[in-house]
């Protein structure tokens, strides 16, 4: 059943999926530059690849979840008493989609880390250094974009398109402010690493725990914002979005 769902979604989202394949190919090509003098030099490219990747994954996640939520008639299923809790169908499908996204990111991390290890004729220690580095610098911001797309897709499908557009506007403004801080103040360096012309790998490990915690805080905050938008009824913002 789950493979039927995946193939059905893939057939509906051919154009969106092509963006994912193209971006992933560019990401691998840029990160596997064999002429670098530092195995972690690809961290520099987060300055350009992270905002582009977030835009691509947000768009794909939004389109995927809108298609998913609107194609499952949970109200009809509930009215006809076909199953007691039809929301579990949508939850399981969204969970499968998230599992595919996460597996894709792990595969990219493994390909990039493995290829760099081969290029430098290094050992397992370098792989275990680069693999989590990819997850911190690329997976977490892309995960944030995925969650934003899921949230706005759910609001679009189950509430109203105006409220969904207001929600995505809040998130996009939030992201623009963060990246404007990144580019104006290099010492901020949370989502894109551009401290020096050549990155010192030891420096890149110094504040990784703090980076992870702050990025996770952004992801959890976005879930809270989604909850606020879902519960809006009589507030000023809610009246504007209805």
C-alpha atoms as a PDB file:
ATOM      1  CA  UNK A   1       0.000   0.000   0.000  1.00  0.00           C
ATOM      2  CA  UNK A   2       2.733   2.435   0.927  1.00  0.00           C
ATOM      3  CA  UNK A   3       4.533   1.822  -2.388  1.00  0.00           C
ATOM      4  CA  UNK A   4       1.303   2.600  -4.257  1.00  0.00           C
ATOM      5  CA  UNK A   5       1.111   5.874  -2.320  1.00  0.00           C
ATOM      6  CA  UNK A   6       4.735   6.750  -3.136  1.00  0.00           C
ATOM      7  CA  UNK A   7       4.351   5.998  -6.859  1.00  0.00           C
ATOM      8  CA  UNK A   8       1.098   7.955  -6.992  1.00  0.00           C
ATOM      9  CA  UNK A   9       2.689  11.005  -5.385  1.00  0.00           C
ATOM     10  CA  UNK A  10       5.723  10.729  -7.672  1.00  0.00           C
ATOM     11  CA  UNK A  11       3.533  10.715 -10.780  1.00  0.00           C
ATOM     12  CA  UNK A  12       1.717  13.854  -9.603  1.00  0.00           C
ATOM     13  CA  UNK A  13       4.856  15.760  -8.664  1.00  0.00           C
ATOM     14  CA  UNK A  14       7.163  15.116 -11.607  1.00  0.00           C
ATOM     15  CA  UNK A  15       8.181  18.765 -12.026  1.00  0.00           C
ATOM     16  CA  UNK A  16       8.725  19.259  -8.292  1.00  0.00           C
ATOM     17  CA  UNK A  17      10.720  16.031  -8.034  1.00  0.00           C
ATOM     18  CA  UNK A  18      12.924  17.155 -10.926  1.00  0.00           C
ATOM     19  CA  UNK A  19      13.924  20.227  -8.871  1.00  0.00           C
ATOM     20  CA  UNK A  20      14.963  17.917  -6.032  1.00  0.00           C
ATOM     21  CA  UNK A  21      17.075  15.720  -8.335  1.00  0.00           C
ATOM     22  CA  UNK A  22      18.725  18.706 -10.018  1.00  0.00           C
ATOM     23  CA  UNK A  23      19.523  20.440  -6.744  1.00  0.00           C
ATOM     24  CA  UNK A  24      20.835  17.229  -5.168  1.00  0.00           C
ATOM     25  CA  UNK A  25      23.061  16.682  -8.199  1.00  0.00           C
ATOM     26  CA  UNK A  26      24.433  20.216  -7.968  1.00  0.00           C
ATOM     27  CA  UNK A  27      24.957  19.782  -4.223  1.00  0.00           C
ATOM     28  CA  UNK A  28      26.973  16.601  -4.718  1.00  0.00           C
ATOM     29  CA  UNK A  29      28.973  18.094  -7.610  1.00  0.00           C
ATOM     30  CA  UNK A  30      29.908  21.227  -5.653  1.00  0.00           C
ATOM     31  CA  UNK A  31      30.777  19.364  -2.446  1.00  0.00           C
ATOM     32  CA  UNK A  32      32.957  16.831  -4.290  1.00  0.00           C
ATOM     33  CA  UNK A  33      35.366  19.353  -5.769  1.00  0.00           C
ATOM     34  CA  UNK A  34      38.579  17.286  -6.039  1.00  0.00           C
ATOM     35  CA  UNK A  35      40.807  20.380  -6.133  1.00  0.00           C
ATOM     36  CA  UNK A  36      40.088  21.545  -2.580  1.00  0.00           C
ATOM     37  CA  UNK A  37      42.926  21.692  -0.049  1.00  0.00           C
ATOM     38  CA  UNK A  38      40.643  21.020   2.910  1.00  0.00           C
ATOM     39  CA  UNK A  39      38.296  18.024   3.246  1.00  0.00           C
ATOM     40  CA  UNK A  40      35.706  20.215   4.970  1.00  0.00           C
ATOM     41  CA  UNK A  41      35.963  23.109   2.514  1.00  0.00           C
ATOM     42  CA  UNK A  42      32.489  22.372   1.169  1.00  0.00           C
ATOM     43  CA  UNK A  43      31.142  23.994   4.353  1.00  0.00           C
ATOM     44  CA  UNK A  44      31.940  27.308   2.647  1.00  0.00           C
ATOM     45  CA  UNK A  45      29.313  26.573   0.003  1.00  0.00           C
ATOM     46  CA  UNK A  46      26.521  26.549   2.591  1.00  0.00           C
ATOM     47  CA  UNK A  47      26.429  30.304   2.041  1.00  0.00           C
ATOM     48  CA  UNK A  48      24.838  29.636  -1.351  1.00  0.00           C
ATOM     49  CA  UNK A  49      23.457  26.094  -1.198  1.00  0.00           C
ATOM     50  CA  UNK A  50      21.516  26.295   2.077  1.00  0.00           C
ATOM     51  CA  UNK A  51      19.110  29.134   1.090  1.00  0.00           C
ATOM     52  CA  UNK A  52      18.595  27.633  -2.377  1.00  0.00           C
ATOM     53  CA  UNK A  53      18.061  24.181  -0.913  1.00  0.00           C
ATOM     54  CA  UNK A  54      15.610  25.474   1.670  1.00  0.00           C
ATOM     55  CA  UNK A  55      13.558  27.124  -1.072  1.00  0.00           C
ATOM     56  CA  UNK A  56      13.557  23.915  -3.145  1.00  0.00           C
ATOM     57  CA  UNK A  57      12.635  21.639  -0.227  1.00  0.00           C
ATOM     58  CA  UNK A  58       9.981  24.033   1.107  1.00  0.00           C
ATOM     59  CA  UNK A  59       8.288  24.190  -2.294  1.00  0.00           C
ATOM     60  CA  UNK A  60       8.477  20.415  -2.749  1.00  0.00           C
ATOM     61  CA  UNK A  61       7.226  19.696   0.770  1.00  0.00           C
ATOM     62  CA  UNK A  62       4.309  22.111   0.385  1.00  0.00           C
ATOM     63  CA  UNK A  63       3.214  20.649  -2.947  1.00  0.00           C
ATOM     64  CA  UNK A  64       3.659  17.079  -1.704  1.00  0.00           C
ATOM     65  CA  UNK A  65       1.633  17.556   1.459  1.00  0.00           C
ATOM     66  CA  UNK A  66      -1.125  19.531  -0.249  1.00  0.00           C
ATOM     67  CA  UNK A  67      -1.482  16.680  -2.752  1.00  0.00           C
ATOM     68  CA  UNK A  68      -1.365  14.136   0.062  1.00  0.00           C
ATOM     69  CA  UNK A  69      -3.914  15.854   2.305  1.00  0.00           C
ATOM     70  CA  UNK A  70      -6.385  16.758  -0.448  1.00  0.00           C
ATOM     71  CA  UNK A  71      -6.300  13.281  -2.006  1.00  0.00           C
ATOM     72  CA  UNK A  72      -7.355  11.522   1.207  1.00  0.00           C
ATOM     73  CA  UNK A  73     -11.092  12.099   1.902  1.00  0.00           C
ATOM     74  CA  UNK A  74     -10.930  11.796   5.683  1.00  0.00           C
ATOM     75  CA  UNK A  75     -14.276  13.580   6.155  1.00  0.00           C
ATOM     76  CA  UNK A  76     -16.011  11.153   3.790  1.00  0.00           C
ATOM     77  CA  UNK A  77     -14.355   8.196   5.510  1.00  0.00           C
ATOM     78  CA  UNK A  78     -15.477   9.487   8.915  1.00  0.00           C
ATOM     79  CA  UNK A  79     -19.055  10.149   7.727  1.00  0.00           C
ATOM     80  CA  UNK A  80     -19.381   6.608   6.381  1.00  0.00           C
ATOM     81  CA  UNK A  81     -17.791   5.005   9.467  1.00  0.00           C
ATOM     82  CA  UNK A  82     -15.281   3.143   7.320  1.00  0.00           C
ATOM     83  CA  UNK A  83     -12.676   3.400  10.046  1.00  0.00           C
ATOM     84  CA  UNK A  84     -12.775   4.989  13.522  1.00  0.00           C
ATOM     85  CA  UNK A  85      -9.812   7.356  13.097  1.00  0.00           C
ATOM     86  CA  UNK A  86      -9.206   8.250   9.435  1.00  0.00           C
ATOM     87  CA  UNK A  87      -6.580  10.865  10.406  1.00  0.00           C
ATOM     88  CA  UNK A  88      -4.169   8.007  10.982  1.00  0.00           C
ATOM     89  CA  UNK A  89      -4.113   7.393   7.217  1.00  0.00           C
ATOM     90  CA  UNK A  90      -2.817  10.899   6.558  1.00  0.00           C
ATOM     91  CA  UNK A  91      -0.412  10.671   9.488  1.00  0.00           C
ATOM     92  CA  UNK A  92       1.075   7.416   8.200  1.00  0.00           C
ATOM     93  CA  UNK A  93       1.425   8.782   4.680  1.00  0.00           C
ATOM     94  CA  UNK A  94       3.127  11.945   5.972  1.00  0.00           C
ATOM     95  CA  UNK A  95       5.401   9.749   8.080  1.00  0.00           C
ATOM     96  CA  UNK A  96       6.351   7.678   5.020  1.00  0.00           C
ATOM     97  CA  UNK A  97       7.111  10.862   3.078  1.00  0.00           C
ATOM     98  CA  UNK A  98       9.272  12.124   5.935  1.00  0.00           C
ATOM     99  CA  UNK A  99      11.077   8.777   6.079  1.00  0.00           C
ATOM    100  CA  UNK A 100      11.886   9.065   2.366  1.00  0.00           C
ATOM    101  CA  UNK A 101      13.153  12.625   2.856  1.00  0.00           C
ATOM    102  CA  UNK A 102      15.333  11.590   5.801  1.00  0.00           C
ATOM    103  CA  UNK A 103      16.725   8.556   3.953  1.00  0.00           C
ATOM    104  CA  UNK A 104      17.540  10.783   0.963  1.00  0.00           C
ATOM    105  CA  UNK A 105      19.494  13.168   3.181  1.00  0.00           C
ATOM    106  CA  UNK A 106      21.385  10.314   4.846  1.00  0.00           C
ATOM    107  CA  UNK A 107      22.264   8.942   1.412  1.00  0.00           C
ATOM    108  CA  UNK A 108      23.595  12.337   0.294  1.00  0.00           C
ATOM    109  CA  UNK A 109      25.626  12.634   3.500  1.00  0.00           C
ATOM    110  CA  UNK A 110      27.096   9.183   2.934  1.00  0.00           C
ATOM    111  CA  UNK A 111      27.915   9.848  -0.734  1.00  0.00           C
ATOM    112  CA  UNK A 112      29.627  13.173  -0.023  1.00  0.00           C
ATOM    113  CA  UNK A 113      31.531  11.958   3.041  1.00  0.00           C
ATOM    114  CA  UNK A 114      32.564   8.704   1.335  1.00  0.00           C
ATOM    115  CA  UNK A 115      33.727  10.411  -1.850  1.00  0.00           C
ATOM    116  CA  UNK A 116      35.796  12.955   0.095  1.00  0.00           C
ATOM    117  CA  UNK A 117      37.394  10.127   2.077  1.00  0.00           C
ATOM    118  CA  UNK A 118      38.325   8.357  -1.161  1.00  0.00           C
ATOM    119  CA  UNK A 119      39.631  11.592  -2.692  1.00  0.00           C
ATOM    120  CA  UNK A 120      41.918  12.216   0.296  1.00  0.00           C
ATOM    121  CA  UNK A 121      42.800   8.543   0.725  1.00  0.00           C
ATOM    122  CA  UNK A 122      41.731   8.907   4.334  1.00  0.00           C
ATOM    123  CA  UNK A 123      40.174   6.537   6.814  1.00  0.00           C
ATOM    124  CA  UNK A 124      37.026   5.988   8.816  1.00  0.00           C
ATOM    125  CA  UNK A 125      37.797   8.886  11.172  1.00  0.00           C
ATOM    126  CA  UNK A 126      37.364  11.433   8.396  1.00  0.00           C
ATOM    127  CA  UNK A 127      34.064   9.814   7.362  1.00  0.00           C
ATOM    128  CA  UNK A 128      32.720  10.004  10.923  1.00  0.00           C
ATOM    129  CA  UNK A 129      33.782  13.659  10.984  1.00  0.00           C
ATOM    130  CA  UNK A 130      32.185  14.670   7.664  1.00  0.00           C
ATOM    131  CA  UNK A 131      28.941  12.670   7.915  1.00  0.00           C
ATOM    132  CA  UNK A 132      27.514  14.505  10.972  1.00  0.00           C
ATOM    133  CA  UNK A 133      28.912  17.764   9.608  1.00  0.00           C
ATOM    134  CA  UNK A 134      26.640  17.392   6.578  1.00  0.00           C
ATOM    135  CA  UNK A 135      23.676  16.649   8.824  1.00  0.00           C
ATOM    136  CA  UNK A 136      24.311  19.821  10.845  1.00  0.00           C
ATOM    137  CA  UNK A 137      24.941  22.151   7.907  1.00  0.00           C
ATOM    138  CA  UNK A 138      22.432  20.781   5.387  1.00  0.00           C
ATOM    139  CA  UNK A 139      19.981  18.317   6.930  1.00  0.00           C
ATOM    140  CA  UNK A 140      18.772  20.592   9.735  1.00  0.00           C
ATOM    141  CA  UNK A 141      17.933  23.633   7.550  1.00  0.00           C
ATOM    142  CA  UNK A 142      16.348  21.362   4.943  1.00  0.00           C
ATOM    143  CA  UNK A 143      14.381  19.683   7.736  1.00  0.00           C
ATOM    144  CA  UNK A 144      13.158  23.113   8.822  1.00  0.00           C
ATOM    145  CA  UNK A 145      12.039  23.808   5.251  1.00  0.00           C
ATOM    146  CA  UNK A 146      10.302  20.401   5.148  1.00  0.00           C
ATOM    147  CA  UNK A 147       8.385  21.157   8.351  1.00  0.00           C
ATOM    148  CA  UNK A 148       7.358  24.585   7.057  1.00  0.00           C
ATOM    149  CA  UNK A 149       6.055  22.987   3.866  1.00  0.00           C
ATOM    150  CA  UNK A 150       4.162  20.372   5.878  1.00  0.00           C
ATOM    151  CA  UNK A 151       2.615  23.016   8.160  1.00  0.00           C
ATOM    152  CA  UNK A 152       1.514  25.331   5.372  1.00  0.00           C
ATOM    153  CA  UNK A 153       0.252  22.368   3.339  1.00  0.00           C
ATOM    154  CA  UNK A 154      -1.920  21.210   6.244  1.00  0.00           C
ATOM    155  CA  UNK A 155      -3.332  24.710   6.772  1.00  0.00           C
ATOM    156  CA  UNK A 156      -3.985  25.050   3.030  1.00  0.00           C
ATOM    157  CA  UNK A 157      -5.779  21.691   2.808  1.00  0.00           C
ATOM    158  CA  UNK A 158      -7.803  21.759   6.024  1.00  0.00           C
ATOM    159  CA  UNK A 159      -8.369  25.464   6.767  1.00  0.00           C
ATOM    160  CA  UNK A 160      -8.033  28.101   4.036  1.00  0.00           C
ATOM    161  CA  UNK A 161      -5.657  29.155   1.309  1.00  0.00           C
ATOM    162  CA  UNK A 162      -5.498  32.715   2.669  1.00  0.00           C
ATOM    163  CA  UNK A 163      -4.460  31.502   6.102  1.00  0.00           C
ATOM    164  CA  UNK A 164      -1.845  29.241   4.479  1.00  0.00           C
ATOM    165  CA  UNK A 165      -0.431  32.139   2.473  1.00  0.00           C
ATOM    166  CA  UNK A 166      -0.274  34.253   5.631  1.00  0.00           C
ATOM    167  CA  UNK A 167       1.536  31.435   7.433  1.00  0.00           C
ATOM    168  CA  UNK A 168       4.080  30.896   4.663  1.00  0.00           C
ATOM    169  CA  UNK A 169       4.574  34.677   4.519  1.00  0.00           C
ATOM    170  CA  UNK A 170       5.474  34.689   8.219  1.00  0.00           C
ATOM    171  CA  UNK A 171       7.944  31.849   7.724  1.00  0.00           C
ATOM    172  CA  UNK A 172       9.526  33.358   4.604  1.00  0.00           C
ATOM    173  CA  UNK A 173       9.927  36.727   6.338  1.00  0.00           C
ATOM    174  CA  UNK A 174      11.512  34.913   9.281  1.00  0.00           C
ATOM    175  CA  UNK A 175      13.994  33.150   6.988  1.00  0.00           C
ATOM    176  CA  UNK A 176      14.818  36.350   5.074  1.00  0.00           C
ATOM    177  CA  UNK A 177      15.618  38.167   8.325  1.00  0.00           C
ATOM    178  CA  UNK A 178      17.883  35.325   9.457  1.00  0.00           C
ATOM    179  CA  UNK A 179      19.813  35.186   6.194  1.00  0.00           C
ATOM    180  CA  UNK A 180      20.108  38.966   6.043  1.00  0.00           C
ATOM    181  CA  UNK A 181      21.839  38.727   9.431  1.00  0.00           C
ATOM    182  CA  UNK A 182      24.049  35.980   8.009  1.00  0.00           C
ATOM    183  CA  UNK A 183      25.269  38.017   5.053  1.00  0.00           C
ATOM    184  CA  UNK A 184      25.579  41.355   6.860  1.00  0.00           C
ATOM    185  CA  UNK A 185      27.306  39.953   9.936  1.00  0.00           C
ATOM    186  CA  UNK A 186      29.613  37.001   9.108  1.00  0.00           C
ATOM    187  CA  UNK A 187      30.181  36.328  12.802  1.00  0.00           C
ATOM    188  CA  UNK A 188      26.498  35.251  13.019  1.00  0.00           C
ATOM    189  CA  UNK A 189      27.276  32.224  10.803  1.00  0.00           C
ATOM    190  CA  UNK A 190      24.435  29.947  11.878  1.00  0.00           C
ATOM    191  CA  UNK A 191      22.978  28.675   8.589  1.00  0.00           C
ATOM    192  CA  UNK A 192      25.786  29.492   6.175  1.00  0.00           C
ATOM    193  CA  UNK A 193      29.432  29.189   7.130  1.00  0.00           C
ATOM    194  CA  UNK A 194      31.506  31.989   5.557  1.00  0.00           C
ATOM    195  CA  UNK A 195      33.962  33.005   8.272  1.00  0.00           C
ATOM    196  CA  UNK A 196      37.222  32.639   6.300  1.00  0.00           C
ATOM    197  CA  UNK A 197      38.259  32.050   2.685  1.00  0.00           C
ATOM    198  CA  UNK A 198      39.278  28.561   3.810  1.00  0.00           C
ATOM    199  CA  UNK A 199      37.494  26.835   6.662  1.00  0.00           C
ATOM    200  CA  UNK A 200      39.446  25.458   9.582  1.00  0.00           C
ATOM    201  CA  UNK A 201      37.840  22.077  10.378  1.00  0.00           C
ATOM    202  CA  UNK A 202      38.684  22.418  14.069  1.00  0.00           C
ATOM    203  CA  UNK A 203      36.917  25.775  14.211  1.00  0.00           C
ATOM    204  CA  UNK A 204      33.901  24.259  12.486  1.00  0.00           C
ATOM    205  CA  UNK A 205      33.565  21.789  15.355  1.00  0.00           C
ATOM    206  CA  UNK A 206      33.859  24.362  18.108  1.00  0.00           C
ATOM    207  CA  UNK A 207      30.274  25.582  18.137  1.00  0.00           C
ATOM    208  CA  UNK A 208      28.472  22.619  16.581  1.00  0.00           C
ATOM    209  CA  UNK A 209      26.446  21.747  19.680  1.00  0.00           C
ATOM    210  CA  UNK A 210      25.209  25.318  19.916  1.00  0.00           C
ATOM    211  CA  UNK A 211      24.365  25.331  16.209  1.00  0.00           C
ATOM    212  CA  UNK A 212      22.357  22.126  16.535  1.00  0.00           C
ATOM    213  CA  UNK A 213      20.426  23.374  19.564  1.00  0.00           C
ATOM    214  CA  UNK A 214      19.591  26.718  17.938  1.00  0.00           C
ATOM    215  CA  UNK A 215      18.468  25.078  14.689  1.00  0.00           C
ATOM    216  CA  UNK A 216      16.321  22.588  16.588  1.00  0.00           C
ATOM    217  CA  UNK A 217      14.826  25.531  18.491  1.00  0.00           C
ATOM    218  CA  UNK A 218      13.860  27.137  15.175  1.00  0.00           C
ATOM    219  CA  UNK A 219      12.217  23.900  14.030  1.00  0.00           C
ATOM    220  CA  UNK A 220      10.259  23.526  17.283  1.00  0.00           C
ATOM    221  CA  UNK A 221       9.274  27.204  17.160  1.00  0.00           C
ATOM    222  CA  UNK A 222       7.891  26.744  13.651  1.00  0.00           C
ATOM    223  CA  UNK A 223       5.716  23.891  14.939  1.00  0.00           C
ATOM    224  CA  UNK A 224       4.445  26.217  17.678  1.00  0.00           C
ATOM    225  CA  UNK A 225       3.658  28.913  15.084  1.00  0.00           C
ATOM    226  CA  UNK A 226       1.723  26.315  13.074  1.00  0.00           C
ATOM    227  CA  UNK A 227      -0.271  25.452  16.197  1.00  0.00           C
ATOM    228  CA  UNK A 228      -1.126  29.118  16.711  1.00  0.00           C
ATOM    229  CA  UNK A 229      -2.353  29.468  13.122  1.00  0.00           C
ATOM    230  CA  UNK A 230      -4.463  26.336  13.422  1.00  0.00           C
ATOM    231  CA  UNK A 231      -6.182  27.670  16.516  1.00  0.00           C
ATOM    232  CA  UNK A 232      -6.795  31.176  15.162  1.00  0.00           C
ATOM    233  CA  UNK A 233     -10.495  31.976  15.193  1.00  0.00           C
ATOM    234  CA  UNK A 234     -11.377  35.476  16.317  1.00  0.00           C
ATOM    235  CA  UNK A 235      -8.011  37.119  16.508  1.00  0.00           C
ATOM    236  CA  UNK A 236      -7.127  39.989  14.202  1.00  0.00           C
ATOM    237  CA  UNK A 237      -4.780  37.781  12.169  1.00  0.00           C
ATOM    238  CA  UNK A 238      -7.390  35.088  12.039  1.00  0.00           C
ATOM    239  CA  UNK A 239     -10.048  37.453  10.741  1.00  0.00           C
ATOM    240  CA  UNK A 240      -7.636  38.665   8.081  1.00  0.00           C
ATOM    241  CA  UNK A 241      -6.899  35.095   7.003  1.00  0.00           C
ATOM    242  CA  UNK A 242     -10.469  33.754   6.903  1.00  0.00           C
END
